[in-house]
Amino acid sequence: MLSEMIFYTRPACHLCESALPHARRAAKFLGRRLQIINIDSDDDLVVEYGLRVPVLTTSGGELIAEGSFGMREIVRGLIGRR
C-alpha cells in the first residue's frame, strides 16, 4: 500500500515549482504524506536524479512521474504500478 510519496526537487527549478502543487493535491486526495527532498543536499541524489527533477516516487522508490507532470501523469504513474 502506498504510504508516502517522495517529491525530489532542487532550488530554482521551474518544472519543480509547476509540479509540486499537483503532487500535494494527489497526496492529499490519497490521504498520504508527501515528503519533499532537495537533491542538492545529498551528492548521491544529485547523481541519481540530476537533471531529471522533479521526480515523484513511492516510499519504496517506484517511479510515479518525472519531468514536466501534472495530475494526469501522476494518476497514470499510480495506475501503472498495479
Protein backbone atom coordinates (compact mmCIF):
# COMPACT_ATOMS: atom_id res chain seq x y z
CA MET A 1 0.00 0.00 0.00
CA LEU A 2 1.19 3.49 -0.82
CA SER A 3 2.01 5.16 2.49
CA GLU A 4 4.13 8.08 1.36
CA MET A 5 5.13 9.82 -1.82
CA ILE A 6 8.52 11.49 -2.24
CA PHE A 7 8.99 14.60 -4.35
CA TYR A 8 12.61 15.19 -5.40
CA THR A 9 13.36 18.81 -6.27
CA ARG A 10 16.07 21.46 -6.28
CA PRO A 11 16.11 25.25 -5.89
CA ALA A 12 15.30 27.44 -8.91
CA CYS A 13 13.67 24.56 -10.79
CA HIS A 14 10.69 25.93 -12.69
CA LEU A 15 9.38 22.45 -13.54
CA CYS A 16 9.53 21.57 -9.83
CA GLU A 17 7.55 24.69 -8.95
CA SER A 18 4.90 23.71 -11.50
CA ALA A 19 4.67 20.05 -10.47
CA LEU A 20 4.69 20.46 -6.68
CA PRO A 21 1.07 21.67 -6.35
CA HIS A 22 -0.08 18.60 -8.33
CA ALA A 23 1.95 16.28 -6.11
CA ARG A 24 0.50 17.94 -3.00
CA ARG A 25 -3.04 17.64 -4.34
CA ALA A 26 -2.54 13.95 -5.20
CA ALA A 27 -1.09 13.19 -1.76
CA LYS A 28 -3.97 14.96 -0.05
CA PHE A 29 -6.55 13.18 -2.19
CA LEU A 30 -4.95 9.80 -1.43
CA GLY A 31 -4.53 10.61 2.26
CA ARG A 32 -0.78 10.15 2.04
CA ARG A 33 2.19 12.08 3.35
CA LEU A 34 4.31 13.95 0.79
CA GLN A 35 7.99 14.19 1.62
CA ILE A 36 9.87 16.91 -0.25
CA ILE A 37 13.60 16.35 -0.71
CA ASN A 38 16.11 18.83 -2.12
CA ILE A 39 18.50 16.66 -4.13
CA ASP A 40 21.27 19.24 -3.74
CA SER A 41 21.53 18.25 -0.06
CA ASP A 42 22.94 14.82 -0.98
CA ASP A 43 25.61 14.08 -3.61
CA ASP A 44 24.16 10.62 -4.26
CA LEU A 45 20.75 12.12 -5.03
CA VAL A 46 22.34 14.62 -7.41
CA VAL A 47 23.98 11.74 -9.27
CA GLU A 48 20.75 9.70 -9.31
CA TYR A 49 18.27 12.44 -10.22
CA GLY A 50 20.39 15.29 -11.61
CA LEU A 51 18.52 16.94 -14.45
CA ARG A 52 15.51 14.59 -14.11
CA VAL A 53 13.85 16.66 -11.36
CA PRO A 54 11.12 16.94 -10.46
CA VAL A 55 10.74 13.25 -9.68
CA LEU A 56 7.83 11.75 -7.74
CA THR A 57 8.24 8.25 -6.31
CA THR A 58 6.62 5.95 -3.81
CA SER A 59 8.35 5.49 -0.47
CA GLY A 60 9.67 2.22 -1.93
CA GLY A 61 11.40 4.09 -4.75
CA GLU A 62 8.98 3.21 -7.55
CA LEU A 63 8.71 5.98 -10.12
CA ILE A 64 5.33 7.73 -10.35
CA ALA A 65 6.25 10.70 -12.56
CA GLU A 66 9.21 12.84 -13.58
CA GLY A 67 9.99 15.98 -15.52
CA SER A 68 7.02 18.06 -16.56
CA PHE A 69 3.95 16.43 -14.98
CA GLY A 70 0.51 17.17 -13.64
CA MET A 71 -2.35 15.19 -12.15
CA ARG A 72 -2.87 13.12 -15.32
CA GLU A 73 0.70 11.82 -15.26
CA ILE A 74 0.56 11.13 -11.52
CA VAL A 75 -2.63 9.08 -11.94
CA ARG A 76 -1.10 7.20 -14.88
CA GLY A 77 2.03 6.50 -12.83
CA LEU A 78 -0.01 5.19 -9.92
CA ILE A 79 -2.28 3.04 -12.09
CA GLY A 80 0.73 1.62 -13.92
CA ARG A 81 2.10 0.31 -10.62
CA ARG A 82 -0.82 -2.08 -10.09
